[in-house]
């Protein structure tokens, strides 16, 4: 019976070792595919939105920013505290 137990232990050890190696290789392939996909999506988004970045800021936003800046200047005490 001791030999059977040793055989069973050895049989269990080998597949476990093989199973541990396969996910590492699979994970590397998945990471590579994910990295490539991320790069592709990034390029597509930059191409899609590049024209928007070149558009001028609308006057209503500039006016809003100016009014907010004016309000913050008037609400602060002039003593610098």
N, C-alpha and C. Protein backbone atom coordinates (compact mmCIF):
# COMPACT_ATOMS: atom_id res chain seq x y z
N UNK A 1 0.81 -1.20 0.00
CA UNK A 1 0.00 0.00 0.00
C UNK A 1 0.85 1.25 0.00
N UNK A 2 2.00 1.16 0.55
CA UNK A 2 2.86 2.32 0.57
C UNK A 2 3.25 2.73 -0.84
N UNK A 3 3.47 1.77 -1.70
CA UNK A 3 3.83 2.09 -3.08
C UNK A 3 2.67 2.77 -3.80
N UNK A 4 1.46 2.33 -3.53
CA UNK A 4 0.31 2.95 -4.17
C UNK A 4 0.16 4.39 -3.72
N UNK A 5 0.36 4.62 -2.46
CA UNK A 5 0.26 5.99 -1.96
C UNK A 5 1.33 6.87 -2.59
N UNK A 6 2.56 6.34 -2.72
CA UNK A 6 3.63 7.10 -3.36
C UNK A 6 3.30 7.38 -4.82
N UNK A 7 2.76 6.39 -5.52
CA UNK A 7 2.38 6.57 -6.92
C UNK A 7 1.29 7.62 -7.05
N UNK A 8 0.34 7.58 -6.16
CA UNK A 8 -0.76 8.54 -6.22
C UNK A 8 -0.26 9.95 -5.91
N UNK A 9 0.65 10.06 -4.98
CA UNK A 9 1.20 11.36 -4.64
C UNK A 9 1.98 11.92 -5.81
N UNK A 10 2.80 11.09 -6.45
CA UNK A 10 3.57 11.53 -7.60
C UNK A 10 2.66 11.89 -8.77
N UNK A 11 1.62 11.12 -8.97
CA UNK A 11 0.70 11.39 -10.07
C UNK A 11 -0.02 12.71 -9.86
N UNK A 12 -0.33 13.02 -8.64
CA UNK A 12 -1.01 14.28 -8.37
C UNK A 12 -0.07 15.47 -8.50
N UNK A 13 1.20 15.27 -8.19
CA UNK A 13 2.16 16.37 -8.21
C UNK A 13 2.47 16.83 -9.63
N UNK A 14 2.56 15.93 -10.56
CA UNK A 14 2.95 16.28 -11.93
C UNK A 14 1.89 17.15 -12.60
N UNK A 15 0.61 16.73 -12.60
CA UNK A 15 -0.38 17.59 -13.24
C UNK A 15 -0.49 18.97 -12.58
N UNK A 16 -0.32 19.02 -11.28
CA UNK A 16 -0.39 20.31 -10.60
C UNK A 16 0.70 21.24 -11.10
N UNK A 17 1.91 20.73 -11.26
CA UNK A 17 3.02 21.53 -11.74
C UNK A 17 2.74 22.01 -13.16
N UNK A 18 2.18 21.13 -13.98
CA UNK A 18 1.88 21.52 -15.36
C UNK A 18 0.77 22.58 -15.39
N UNK A 19 -0.22 22.44 -14.53
CA UNK A 19 -1.31 23.42 -14.50
C UNK A 19 -0.81 24.79 -14.08
N UNK A 20 0.17 24.83 -13.22
CA UNK A 20 0.69 26.12 -12.76
C UNK A 20 1.44 26.84 -13.87
N UNK A 21 2.04 26.12 -14.79
CA UNK A 21 2.81 26.75 -15.86
C UNK A 21 1.90 27.30 -16.95
N UNK A 22 0.85 26.62 -17.25
CA UNK A 22 -0.02 27.04 -18.36
C UNK A 22 -0.68 28.40 -18.14
N UNK A 23 -1.21 28.68 -16.96
CA UNK A 23 -1.82 30.00 -16.79
C UNK A 23 -0.82 31.14 -16.96
N UNK A 24 0.45 30.95 -16.57
CA UNK A 24 1.43 32.01 -16.76
C UNK A 24 1.58 32.35 -18.23
N UNK A 25 1.71 31.33 -19.07
CA UNK A 25 1.85 31.56 -20.50
C UNK A 25 0.58 32.19 -21.06
N UNK A 26 -0.56 31.70 -20.61
CA UNK A 26 -1.83 32.24 -21.07
C UNK A 26 -2.00 33.69 -20.62
N UNK A 27 -1.60 33.98 -19.40
CA UNK A 27 -1.71 35.35 -18.89
C UNK A 27 -0.84 36.29 -19.69
N UNK A 28 0.35 35.86 -20.08
CA UNK A 28 1.23 36.71 -20.89
C UNK A 28 0.59 37.03 -22.23
N UNK A 29 -0.02 36.01 -22.84
CA UNK A 29 -0.69 36.22 -24.13
C UNK A 29 -1.87 37.16 -23.95
N UNK A 30 -2.64 36.97 -22.86
CA UNK A 30 -3.78 37.84 -22.61
C UNK A 30 -3.33 39.27 -22.35
N UNK A 31 -2.27 39.45 -21.56
CA UNK A 31 -1.76 40.79 -21.28
C UNK A 31 -1.30 41.45 -22.56
N UNK A 32 -0.64 40.69 -23.42
CA UNK A 32 -0.18 41.24 -24.69
C UNK A 32 -1.36 41.67 -25.55
N UNK A 33 -2.38 40.83 -25.59
CA UNK A 33 -3.57 41.16 -26.38
C UNK A 33 -4.28 42.37 -25.80
N UNK A 34 -4.37 42.45 -24.48
CA UNK A 34 -5.02 43.58 -23.82
C UNK A 34 -4.22 44.85 -24.08
N UNK A 35 -2.89 44.77 -24.01
CA UNK A 35 -2.05 45.92 -24.27
C UNK A 35 -2.23 46.41 -25.70
N UNK A 36 -2.28 45.49 -26.64
CA UNK A 36 -2.48 45.86 -28.03
C UNK A 36 -3.85 46.50 -28.23
N UNK A 37 -4.84 45.96 -27.58
CA UNK A 37 -6.19 46.50 -27.69
C UNK A 37 -6.25 47.90 -27.09
N UNK A 38 -5.64 48.08 -25.92
CA UNK A 38 -5.59 49.41 -25.29
C UNK A 38 -4.91 50.43 -26.20
N UNK A 39 -3.81 50.03 -26.81
CA UNK A 39 -3.09 50.92 -27.72
C UNK A 39 -3.96 51.29 -28.91
N UNK A 40 -4.64 50.31 -29.46
CA UNK A 40 -5.51 50.56 -30.62
C UNK A 40 -6.66 51.50 -30.25
N UNK A 41 -7.29 51.24 -29.12
CA UNK A 41 -8.41 52.09 -28.68
C UNK A 41 -7.91 53.51 -28.43
N UNK A 42 -6.74 53.65 -27.81
CA UNK A 42 -6.18 54.97 -27.56
C UNK A 42 -5.95 55.74 -28.84
N UNK A 43 -5.40 55.08 -29.85
CA UNK A 43 -5.17 55.74 -31.14
C UNK A 43 -6.48 56.19 -31.78
N UNK A 44 -7.47 55.30 -31.74
CA UNK A 44 -8.77 55.63 -32.33
C UNK A 44 -9.43 56.80 -31.62
N UNK A 45 -9.36 56.84 -30.29
CA UNK A 45 -9.97 57.93 -29.53
C UNK A 45 -9.25 59.25 -29.80
N UNK A 46 -7.91 59.22 -29.87
CA UNK A 46 -7.17 60.44 -30.17
C UNK A 46 -7.53 60.96 -31.55
N UNK A 47 -7.66 60.07 -32.53
CA UNK A 47 -8.03 60.47 -33.87
C UNK A 47 -9.45 61.06 -33.88
N UNK A 48 -10.35 60.45 -33.15
CA UNK A 48 -11.74 60.89 -33.11
C UNK A 48 -11.88 62.27 -32.47
N UNK A 49 -11.16 62.50 -31.37
CA UNK A 49 -11.34 63.73 -30.60
C UNK A 49 -10.30 64.81 -30.89
N UNK A 50 -9.36 64.57 -31.78
CA UNK A 50 -8.32 65.57 -32.04
C UNK A 50 -8.92 66.87 -32.59
N UNK A 51 -9.94 66.78 -33.39
CA UNK A 51 -10.56 67.99 -33.95
C UNK A 51 -11.25 68.81 -32.86
N UNK A 52 -11.79 68.14 -31.86
CA UNK A 52 -12.47 68.84 -30.77
C UNK A 52 -11.46 69.66 -29.96
N UNK A 53 -10.27 69.14 -29.79
CA UNK A 53 -9.24 69.85 -29.03
C UNK A 53 -8.83 71.15 -29.73
N UNK A 54 -8.98 71.19 -31.03
CA UNK A 54 -8.59 72.37 -31.79
C UNK A 54 -9.68 73.44 -31.84
N UNK A 55 -10.89 73.10 -31.42
CA UNK A 55 -11.99 74.06 -31.45
C UNK A 55 -11.79 75.14 -30.40
N UNK A 56 -12.21 76.36 -30.70
CA UNK A 56 -12.09 77.44 -29.71
C UNK A 56 -13.08 77.24 -28.56
N UNK A 57 -12.75 77.81 -27.41
CA UNK A 57 -13.64 77.73 -26.25
C UNK A 57 -14.82 78.66 -26.51
N UNK A 58 -16.05 78.18 -26.31
CA UNK A 58 -17.23 79.02 -26.55
C UNK A 58 -17.24 80.25 -25.63
N UNK A 59 -17.76 81.36 -26.15
CA UNK A 59 -17.81 82.61 -25.39
C UNK A 59 -18.57 82.47 -24.07
N UNK A 60 -19.62 81.68 -24.06
CA UNK A 60 -20.40 81.55 -22.82
C UNK A 60 -19.57 80.91 -21.71
N UNK A 61 -18.66 80.00 -22.06
CA UNK A 61 -17.78 79.41 -21.06
C UNK A 61 -16.74 80.42 -20.58
N UNK A 62 -16.21 81.19 -21.51
CA UNK A 62 -15.25 82.22 -21.14
C UNK A 62 -15.89 83.26 -20.22
N UNK A 63 -17.15 83.65 -20.54
CA UNK A 63 -17.87 84.61 -19.69
C UNK A 63 -18.13 84.02 -18.31
N UNK A 64 -18.49 82.77 -18.24
CA UNK A 64 -18.74 82.11 -16.96
C UNK A 64 -17.46 82.07 -16.13
N UNK A 65 -16.36 81.70 -16.75
CA UNK A 65 -15.08 81.67 -16.03
C UNK A 65 -14.69 83.05 -15.52
N UNK A 66 -14.92 84.06 -16.36
CA UNK A 66 -14.58 85.42 -15.95
C UNK A 66 -15.44 85.88 -14.77
N UNK A 67 -16.73 85.56 -14.80
CA UNK A 67 -17.61 85.96 -13.70
C UNK A 67 -17.25 85.22 -12.41
N UNK A 68 -16.88 83.97 -12.51
CA UNK A 68 -16.45 83.22 -11.33
C UNK A 68 -15.14 83.78 -10.76
N UNK A 69 -14.25 84.16 -11.63
CA UNK A 69 -12.99 84.75 -11.18
C UNK A 69 -13.24 86.09 -10.50
N UNK A 70 -14.13 86.91 -11.08
CA UNK A 70 -14.47 88.20 -10.48
C UNK A 70 -15.10 88.02 -9.10
N UNK A 71 -16.00 87.05 -8.96
CA UNK A 71 -16.65 86.78 -7.68
C UNK A 71 -15.64 86.35 -6.63
N UNK A 72 -14.69 85.51 -7.03
CA UNK A 72 -13.70 85.04 -6.05
C UNK A 72 -12.78 86.17 -5.61
N UNK A 73 -12.51 87.14 -6.47
CA UNK A 73 -11.67 88.28 -6.10
C UNK A 73 -12.41 89.20 -5.13
N UNK A 74 -13.70 89.39 -5.33
CA UNK A 74 -14.45 90.29 -4.47
C UNK A 74 -14.80 89.65 -3.12
N UNK A 75 -14.86 88.34 -3.06
CA UNK A 75 -15.21 87.68 -1.80
C UNK A 75 -14.00 87.52 -0.88
N UNK A 76 -12.79 87.64 -1.40
CA UNK A 76 -11.59 87.54 -0.58
C UNK A 76 -11.29 88.89 0.08
N UNK A 77 -10.90 88.88 1.34
CA UNK A 77 -10.51 90.15 1.98
C UNK A 77 -9.19 90.62 1.38
N UNK A 78 -9.03 91.94 1.27
CA UNK A 78 -7.86 92.50 0.64
C UNK A 78 -6.63 92.43 1.52
N UNK A 79 -6.78 92.11 2.79
CA UNK A 79 -5.65 92.01 3.71
C UNK A 79 -4.80 90.80 3.47
N UNK A 80 -5.25 89.86 2.63
CA UNK A 80 -4.50 88.67 2.32
C UNK A 80 -4.63 87.58 3.36
N UNK A 81 -5.61 87.67 4.26
CA UNK A 81 -5.77 86.67 5.30
C UNK A 81 -6.62 85.53 4.85
